PDB file of N, CA and C in Angstrom:
ATOM      1  N   UNK A   1       0.855  -1.267  -0.002  1.00  0.00           N
ATOM      2  CA  UNK A   1      -0.029  -0.057   0.021  1.00  0.00           C
ATOM      3  C   UNK A   1       1.007   1.279   0.007  1.00  0.00           C
ATOM      4  N   UNK A   2       0.774   1.990  -0.890  1.00  0.00           N
ATOM      5  CA  UNK A   2       1.363   3.135  -0.991  1.00  0.00           C
ATOM      6  C   UNK A   2       0.938   4.453  -0.189  1.00  0.00           C
ATOM      7  N   UNK A   3       2.093   5.128   0.619  1.00  0.00           N
ATOM      8  CA  UNK A   3       1.415   6.287   1.203  1.00  0.00           C
ATOM      9  C   UNK A   3       1.564   7.732   0.542  1.00  0.00           C
ATOM     10  N   UNK A   4       0.469   8.201   0.600  1.00  0.00           N
ATOM     11  CA  UNK A   4       0.431   9.461  -0.163  1.00  0.00           C
ATOM     12  C   UNK A   4       1.490  10.641   0.322  1.00  0.00           C
ATOM     13  N   UNK A   5       2.312  11.290  -0.382  1.00  0.00           N
ATOM     14  CA  UNK A   5       3.425  12.078  -0.260  1.00  0.00           C
ATOM     15  C   UNK A   5       2.878  13.465   0.920  1.00  0.00           C
ATOM     16  N   UNK A   6       1.490  13.423   0.715  1.00  0.00           N
ATOM     17  CA  UNK A   6       1.173  14.290   1.749  1.00  0.00           C
ATOM     18  C   UNK A   6       1.038  14.035   3.164  1.00  0.00           C
ATOM     19  N   UNK A   7       1.074  12.296   3.218  1.00  0.00           N
ATOM     20  CA  UNK A   7       0.601  11.926   4.736  1.00  0.00           C
ATOM     21  C   UNK A   7       2.020  11.981   5.512  1.00  0.00           C
ATOM     22  N   UNK A   8       2.241  12.138   6.631  1.00  0.00           N
ATOM     23  CA  UNK A   8       3.176  12.080   7.309  1.00  0.00           C
ATOM     24  C   UNK A   8       3.126  10.598   8.362  1.00  0.00           C
ATOM     25  N   UNK A   9       4.021   9.828   8.087  1.00  0.00           N
ATOM     26  CA  UNK A   9       4.048   8.407   8.288  1.00  0.00           C
ATOM     27  C   UNK A   9       4.983   8.511   9.714  1.00  0.00           C
ATOM     28  N   UNK A  10       4.520   7.870  10.889  1.00  0.00           N
ATOM     29  CA  UNK A  10       5.483   8.024  12.176  1.00  0.00           C
ATOM     30  C   UNK A  10       6.177   9.031  12.650  1.00  0.00           C
ATOM     31  N   UNK A  11       5.393  10.060  12.303  1.00  0.00           N
ATOM     32  CA  UNK A  11       6.447  11.391  12.733  1.00  0.00           C
ATOM     33  C   UNK A  11       7.647  11.840  11.821  1.00  0.00           C
ATOM     34  N   UNK A  12       7.812  11.225  11.215  1.00  0.00           N
ATOM     35  CA  UNK A  12       8.907  11.495  10.107  1.00  0.00           C
ATOM     36  C   UNK A  12       8.812  12.769   9.199  1.00  0.00           C
ATOM     37  N   UNK A  13       9.435  13.730   9.062  1.00  0.00           N
ATOM     38  CA  UNK A  13       8.898  14.729   8.307  1.00  0.00           C
ATOM     39  C   UNK A  13      10.028  15.119   7.123  1.00  0.00           C
ATOM     40  N   UNK A  14       9.932  15.224   5.852  1.00  0.00           N
ATOM     41  CA  UNK A  14      10.621  15.319   4.901  1.00  0.00           C
ATOM     42  C   UNK A  14      11.474  16.833   5.001  1.00  0.00           C
ATOM     43  N   UNK A  15      12.476  17.316   4.450  1.00  0.00           N
ATOM     44  CA  UNK A  15      13.094  18.394   4.473  1.00  0.00           C
ATOM     45  C   UNK A  15      12.566  19.533   4.216  1.00  0.00           C
ATOM     46  N   UNK A  16      11.755  19.600   3.163  1.00  0.00           N
ATOM     47  CA  UNK A  16      10.813  20.567   2.594  1.00  0.00           C
ATOM     48  C   UNK A  16       9.755  20.710   3.459  1.00  0.00           C
ATOM     49  N   UNK A  17       9.170  19.740   4.275  1.00  0.00           N
ATOM     50  CA  UNK A  17       8.134  19.893   5.368  1.00  0.00           C
ATOM     51  C   UNK A  17       8.674  20.683   6.345  1.00  0.00           C
ATOM     52  N   UNK A  18       9.487  20.303   6.686  1.00  0.00           N
ATOM     53  CA  UNK A  18      10.255  20.881   8.079  1.00  0.00           C
ATOM     54  C   UNK A  18      10.525  22.450   7.832  1.00  0.00           C
ATOM     55  N   UNK A  19      10.990  22.686   6.655  1.00  0.00           N
ATOM     56  CA  UNK A  19      11.283  24.251   6.264  1.00  0.00           C
ATOM     57  C   UNK A  19       9.810  24.805   6.206  1.00  0.00           C
ATOM     58  N   UNK A  20       8.816  24.147   5.549  1.00  0.00           N
ATOM     59  CA  UNK A  20       7.509  24.630   5.485  1.00  0.00           C
ATOM     60  C   UNK A  20       6.891  25.252   6.919  1.00  0.00           C
ATOM     61  N   UNK A  21       7.068  23.879   7.987  1.00  0.00           N
ATOM     62  CA  UNK A  21       6.582  24.272   9.222  1.00  0.00           C
ATOM     63  C   UNK A  21       7.291  25.396  10.194  1.00  0.00           C
ATOM     64  N   UNK A  22       8.476  25.293   9.704  1.00  0.00           N
ATOM     65  CA  UNK A  22       9.293  26.501  10.387  1.00  0.00           C
ATOM     66  C   UNK A  22       9.133  27.682  10.154  1.00  0.00           C
ATOM     67  N   UNK A  23       8.443  28.157   8.764  1.00  0.00           N
ATOM     68  CA  UNK A  23       8.142  29.197   8.329  1.00  0.00           C
ATOM     69  C   UNK A  23       6.742  29.468   8.908  1.00  0.00           C
ATOM     70  N   UNK A  24       5.837  28.537   9.086  1.00  0.00           N
ATOM     71  CA  UNK A  24       4.617  28.952   9.422  1.00  0.00           C
ATOM     72  C   UNK A  24       4.793  29.042  11.456  1.00  0.00           C
ATOM     73  N   UNK A  25       5.544  28.429  11.522  1.00  0.00           N
ATOM     74  CA  UNK A  25       5.858  28.375  12.953  1.00  0.00           C
ATOM     75  C   UNK A  25       6.279  29.701  13.593  1.00  0.00           C
ATOM     76  N   UNK A  26       7.531  30.256  12.703  1.00  0.00           N
ATOM     77  CA  UNK A  26       8.087  31.646  13.036  1.00  0.00           C
ATOM     78  C   UNK A  26       7.097  32.722  12.582  1.00  0.00           C
ATOM     79  N   UNK A  27       5.977  32.432  11.782  1.00  0.00           N
ATOM     80  CA  UNK A  27       4.951  33.503  11.775  1.00  0.00           C
ATOM     81  C   UNK A  27       4.097  33.717  12.576  1.00  0.00           C
ATOM     82  N   UNK A  28       4.072  32.398  13.524  1.00  0.00           N
ATOM     83  CA  UNK A  28       3.316  32.520  14.753  1.00  0.00           C
ATOM     84  C   UNK A  28       3.808  33.177  16.051  1.00  0.00           C
ATOM     85  N   UNK A  29       5.012  33.073  15.917  1.00  0.00           N
ATOM     86  CA  UNK A  29       5.910  33.540  17.197  1.00  0.00           C
ATOM     87  C   UNK A  29       5.464  34.793  17.724  1.00  0.00           C
ATOM     88  N   UNK A  30       5.655  35.717  16.651  1.00  0.00           N
ATOM     89  CA  UNK A  30       5.553  37.401  17.211  1.00  0.00           C
ATOM     90  C   UNK A  30       4.140  37.437  17.818  1.00  0.00           C
ATOM     91  N   UNK A  31       3.020  36.880  17.532  1.00  0.00           N
ATOM     92  CA  UNK A  31       1.907  37.140  18.106  1.00  0.00           C
ATOM     93  C   UNK A  31       1.296  36.050  19.190  1.00  0.00           C
ATOM     94  N   UNK A  32       2.216  35.202  19.464  1.00  0.00           N
ATOM     95  CA  UNK A  32       2.011  34.403  20.783  1.00  0.00           C
ATOM     96  C   UNK A  32       2.811  35.183  22.067  1.00  0.00           C
ATOM     97  N   UNK A  33       2.325  34.840  22.983  1.00  0.00           N
ATOM     98  CA  UNK A  33       2.755  35.178  24.229  1.00  0.00           C
ATOM     99  C   UNK A  33       3.991  34.202  24.824  1.00  0.00           C
ATOM    100  N   UNK A  34       5.012  34.971  25.625  1.00  0.00           N
ATOM    101  CA  UNK A  34       5.980  34.448  26.109  1.00  0.00           C
ATOM    102  C   UNK A  34       6.153  32.655  26.186  1.00  0.00           C
ATOM    103  N   UNK A  35       5.326  32.031  27.313  1.00  0.00           N
ATOM    104  CA  UNK A  35       5.314  30.666  27.040  1.00  0.00           C
ATOM    105  C   UNK A  35       4.596  29.798  26.355  1.00  0.00           C
ATOM    106  N   UNK A  36       4.200  30.486  25.538  1.00  0.00           N
ATOM    107  CA  UNK A  36       3.202  29.548  24.513  1.00  0.00           C
ATOM    108  C   UNK A  36       3.847  28.757  23.460  1.00  0.00           C
ATOM    109  N   UNK A  37       4.843  29.323  22.889  1.00  0.00           N
ATOM    110  CA  UNK A  37       5.824  28.732  21.789  1.00  0.00           C
ATOM    111  C   UNK A  37       5.424  27.015  21.895  1.00  0.00           C
ATOM    112  N   UNK A  38       5.746  26.078  23.148  1.00  0.00           N
ATOM    113  CA  UNK A  38       5.282  24.726  22.857  1.00  0.00           C
ATOM    114  C   UNK A  38       4.101  24.207  22.506  1.00  0.00           C
ATOM    115  N   UNK A  39       3.075  25.167  22.960  1.00  0.00           N
ATOM    116  CA  UNK A  39       1.778  25.013  22.611  1.00  0.00           C
ATOM    117  C   UNK A  39       1.457  25.013  21.437  1.00  0.00           C
ATOM    118  N   UNK A  40       1.922  26.411  20.714  1.00  0.00           N
ATOM    119  CA  UNK A  40       1.913  26.643  19.332  1.00  0.00           C
ATOM    120  C   UNK A  40       2.555  25.469  18.542  1.00  0.00           C
ATOM    121  N   UNK A  41       3.607  25.037  18.841  1.00  0.00           N
ATOM    122  CA  UNK A  41       4.235  24.031  17.855  1.00  0.00           C
ATOM    123  C   UNK A  41       3.346  22.700  18.157  1.00  0.00           C
ATOM    124  N   UNK A  42       3.120  22.479  19.141  1.00  0.00           N
ATOM    125  CA  UNK A  42       2.068  21.092  19.428  1.00  0.00           C
ATOM    126  C   UNK A  42       0.793  21.327  18.421  1.00  0.00           C
ATOM    127  N   UNK A  43       0.210  22.482  18.534  1.00  0.00           N
ATOM    128  CA  UNK A  43      -0.980  22.311  17.607  1.00  0.00           C
ATOM    129  C   UNK A  43      -0.755  22.667  16.231  1.00  0.00           C
ATOM    130  N   UNK A  44       0.440  23.264  15.829  1.00  0.00           N
ATOM    131  CA  UNK A  44       0.750  23.427  14.236  1.00  0.00           C
ATOM    132  C   UNK A  44       1.360  21.838  13.949  1.00  0.00           C
ATOM    133  N   UNK A  45       1.942  21.037  14.506  1.00  0.00           N
ATOM    134  CA  UNK A  45       2.372  19.930  14.109  1.00  0.00           C
ATOM    135  C   UNK A  45       1.046  18.761  14.264  1.00  0.00           C
ATOM    136  N   UNK A  46       0.225  18.930  15.019  1.00  0.00           N
ATOM    137  CA  UNK A  46      -1.029  18.369  15.135  1.00  0.00           C
ATOM    138  C   UNK A  46      -2.032  18.498  13.769  1.00  0.00           C
ATOM    139  N   UNK A  47      -2.025  19.609  13.520  1.00  0.00           N
ATOM    140  CA  UNK A  47      -2.791  20.150  12.476  1.00  0.00           C
ATOM    141  C   UNK A  47      -2.278  19.628  11.082  1.00  0.00           C
ATOM    142  N   UNK A  48      -0.805  19.768  11.143  1.00  0.00           N
ATOM    143  CA  UNK A  48      -0.358  19.290   9.801  1.00  0.00           C
ATOM    144  C   UNK A  48      -0.189  17.814   9.650  1.00  0.00           C
ATOM    145  N   UNK A  49      -0.073  17.118  10.616  1.00  0.00           N
ATOM    146  CA  UNK A  49      -0.091  15.625  10.862  1.00  0.00           C
ATOM    147  C   UNK A  49      -1.568  14.820  10.128  1.00  0.00           C
ATOM    148  N   UNK A  50      -2.418  15.832  10.847  1.00  0.00           N
ATOM    149  CA  UNK A  50      -4.045  15.558  10.341  1.00  0.00           C
ATOM    150  C   UNK A  50      -4.344  15.567   8.873  1.00  0.00           C
ATOM    151  N   UNK A  51      -3.511  16.455   8.061  1.00  0.00           N
ATOM    152  CA  UNK A  51      -3.435  16.771   6.603  1.00  0.00           C
ATOM    153  C   UNK A  51      -3.995  17.959   6.270  1.00  0.00           C
ATOM    154  N   UNK A  52      -3.848  18.696   7.238  1.00  0.00           N
ATOM    155  CA  UNK A  52      -3.979  20.284   6.705  1.00  0.00           C
ATOM    156  C   UNK A  52      -2.800  20.814   6.295  1.00  0.00           C
ATOM    157  N   UNK A  53      -2.702  21.440   4.699  1.00  0.00           N
ATOM    158  CA  UNK A  53      -1.520  21.987   4.175  1.00  0.00           C
ATOM    159  C   UNK A  53      -1.571  23.568   4.084  1.00  0.00           C
ATOM    160  N   UNK A  54      -3.026  24.234   4.172  1.00  0.00           N
ATOM    161  CA  UNK A  54      -2.884  25.577   4.201  1.00  0.00           C
ATOM    162  C   UNK A  54      -2.348  26.342   5.168  1.00  0.00           C
ATOM    163  N   UNK A  55      -1.163  27.320   4.428  1.00  0.00           N
ATOM    164  CA  UNK A  55      -0.281  28.083   5.614  1.00  0.00           C
ATOM    165  C   UNK A  55      -1.061  28.864   6.297  1.00  0.00           C
ATOM    166  N   UNK A  56      -2.341  29.376   5.977  1.00  0.00           N
ATOM    167  CA  UNK A  56      -3.105  30.256   6.584  1.00  0.00           C
ATOM    168  C   UNK A  56      -4.006  29.724   7.618  1.00  0.00           C
ATOM    169  N   UNK A  57      -4.223  28.414   7.250  1.00  0.00           N
ATOM    170  CA  UNK A  57      -5.420  27.744   8.165  1.00  0.00           C
ATOM    171  C   UNK A  57      -4.122  27.222   9.168  1.00  0.00           C
ATOM    172  N   UNK A  58      -3.083  26.651   9.136  1.00  0.00           N
ATOM    173  CA  UNK A  58      -2.352  26.134  10.027  1.00  0.00           C
ATOM    174  C   UNK A  58      -1.933  26.964  10.774  1.00  0.00           C
ATOM    175  N   UNK A  59      -1.553  28.318  10.494  1.00  0.00           N
ATOM    176  CA  UNK A  59      -1.031  29.431  11.407  1.00  0.00           C
ATOM    177  C   UNK A  59      -2.410  30.045  12.142  1.00  0.00           C
ATOM    178  N   UNK A  60      -3.628  30.025  11.514  1.00  0.00           N
ATOM    179  CA  UNK A  60      -4.663  30.345  12.444  1.00  0.00           C
ATOM    180  C   UNK A  60      -5.060  29.030  13.766  1.00  0.00           C
ATOM    181  N   UNK A  61      -4.712  27.871  13.214  1.00  0.00           N
ATOM    182  CA  UNK A  61      -5.261  26.934  14.092  1.00  0.00           C
ATOM    183  C   UNK A  61      -3.892  26.764  15.217  1.00  0.00           C
ATOM    184  N   UNK A  62      -2.643  26.977  15.091  1.00  0.00           N
ATOM    185  CA  UNK A  62      -1.521  26.946  15.807  1.00  0.00           C
ATOM    186  C   UNK A  62      -1.652  28.032  16.537  1.00  0.00           C
ATOM    187  N   UNK A  63      -2.157  29.123  16.563  1.00  0.00           N
ATOM    188  CA  UNK A  63      -2.229  30.238  17.003  1.00  0.00           C
ATOM    189  C   UNK A  63      -3.472  30.533  18.276  1.00  0.00           C
ATOM    190  N   UNK A  64      -4.216  29.338  18.078  1.00  0.00           N
ATOM    191  CA  UNK A  64      -5.489  29.127  18.769  1.00  0.00           C
ATOM    192  C   UNK A  64      -6.663  30.257  19.044  1.00  0.00           C
ATOM    193  N   UNK A  65      -7.385  30.241  19.925  1.00  0.00           N
ATOM    194  CA  UNK A  65      -8.332  31.026  20.334  1.00  0.00           C
ATOM    195  C   UNK A  65      -7.605  32.777  20.490  1.00  0.00           C
ATOM    196  N   UNK A  66      -6.662  32.832  20.685  1.00  0.00           N
ATOM    197  CA  UNK A  66      -5.943  34.302  20.535  1.00  0.00           C
ATOM    198  C   UNK A  66      -6.101  35.030  19.277  1.00  0.00           C
ATOM    199  N   UNK A  67      -6.463  34.424  18.190  1.00  0.00           N
ATOM    200  CA  UNK A  67      -6.472  35.024  17.182  1.00  0.00           C
ATOM    201  C   UNK A  67      -7.841  35.886  16.980  1.00  0.00           C
ATOM    202  N   UNK A  68      -8.653  35.627  18.206  1.00  0.00           N
ATOM    203  CA  UNK A  68     -10.062  36.463  18.191  1.00  0.00           C
ATOM    204  C   UNK A  68      -9.545  38.094  18.219  1.00  0.00           C
ATOM    205  N   UNK A  69      -8.688  38.629  18.475  1.00  0.00           N
ATOM    206  CA  UNK A  69      -8.406  39.980  18.369  1.00  0.00           C
ATOM    207  C   UNK A  69      -8.328  40.359  16.906  1.00  0.00           C
ATOM    208  N   UNK A  70      -7.812  39.552  15.722  1.00  0.00           N
ATOM    209  CA  UNK A  70      -7.745  39.668  14.527  1.00  0.00           C
ATOM    210  C   UNK A  70      -8.964  40.097  13.735  1.00  0.00           C
ATOM    211  N   UNK A  71      -9.924  39.292  14.518  1.00  0.00           N
ATOM    212  CA  UNK A  71     -11.250  39.324  13.621  1.00  0.00           C
ATOM    213  C   UNK A  71     -12.120  40.368  14.030  1.00  0.00           C
ATOM    214  N   UNK A  72     -13.057  40.893  13.076  1.00  0.00           N
ATOM    215  CA  UNK A  72     -13.955  41.804  13.462  1.00  0.00           C
ATOM    216  C   UNK A  72     -15.042  41.697  14.518  1.00  0.00           C
ATOM    217  N   UNK A  73     -15.091  42.678  15.234  1.00  0.00           N
ATOM    218  CA  UNK A  73     -15.489  42.427  16.812  1.00  0.00           C
ATOM    219  C   UNK A  73     -17.143  42.505  15.999  1.00  0.00           C
ATOM    220  N   UNK A  74     -17.944  42.022  16.570  1.00  0.00           N
ATOM    221  CA  UNK A  74     -19.484  41.926  16.462  1.00  0.00           C
ATOM    222  C   UNK A  74     -20.209  43.450  17.029  1.00  0.00           C
ATOM    223  N   UNK A  75     -21.005  43.858  16.260  1.00  0.00           N
ATOM    224  CA  UNK A  75     -21.333  45.131  17.001  1.00  0.00           C
ATOM    225  C   UNK A  75     -23.284  45.118  17.003  1.00  0.00           C
ATOM    226  N   UNK A  76     -23.548  45.584  18.146  1.00  0.00           N
ATOM    227  CA  UNK A  76     -25.099  45.404  18.611  1.00  0.00           C
ATOM    228  C   UNK A  76     -25.660  46.471  17.421  1.00  0.00           C
ATOM    229  N   UNK A  77     -26.639  46.105  16.838  1.00  0.00           N
ATOM    230  CA  UNK A  77     -27.683  46.832  16.135  1.00  0.00           C
ATOM    231  C   UNK A  77     -28.593  47.761  17.020  1.00  0.00           C
ATOM    232  N   UNK A  78     -28.189  49.173  16.994  1.00  0.00           N
ATOM    233  CA  UNK A  78     -29.035  50.320  17.562  1.00  0.00           C
ATOM    234  C   UNK A  78     -28.068  50.739  18.564  1.00  0.00           C
ATOM    235  N   UNK A  79     -26.826  50.371  18.877  1.00  0.00           N
ATOM    236  CA  UNK A  79     -26.183  50.691  20.053  1.00  0.00           C
ATOM    237  C   UNK A  79     -25.591  51.976  20.088  1.00  0.00           C
ATOM    238  N   UNK A  80     -25.644  52.608  18.945  1.00  0.00           N
ATOM    239  CA  UNK A  80     -25.068  53.876  18.959  1.00  0.00           C
ATOM    240  C   UNK A  80     -26.470  54.788  18.981  1.00  0.00           C
ATOM    241  N   UNK A  81     -27.554  54.340  18.670  1.00  0.00           N
ATOM    242  CA  UNK A  81     -28.508  55.181  18.918  1.00  0.00           C
ATOM    243  C   UNK A  81     -29.203  55.830  20.535  1.00  0.00           C
ATOM    244  N   UNK A  82     -28.536  55.045  21.517  1.00  0.00           N
ATOM    245  CA  UNK A  82     -28.816  55.278  22.719  1.00  0.00           C
ATOM    246  C   UNK A  82     -28.371  56.603  23.186  1.00  0.00           C
TER     247      UNK A  82
END
């Protein structure tokens, strides 16, 4: 049974995969807080191993819920009328 080139087997990464993951991880670090690097790395590797390959989705998954600050905030209808 052939393994798809996009599937990671037994936690072994090819050099180009490591370079890609390092680039995504480095892009997450400026936004992560002090001791969060390990958690960011775990989420990134887990998402990649599950088959996610989109750079932006990997980044958003890796940084977790803290990305909420970059999303538009919901506003209440009529809040300005008061």
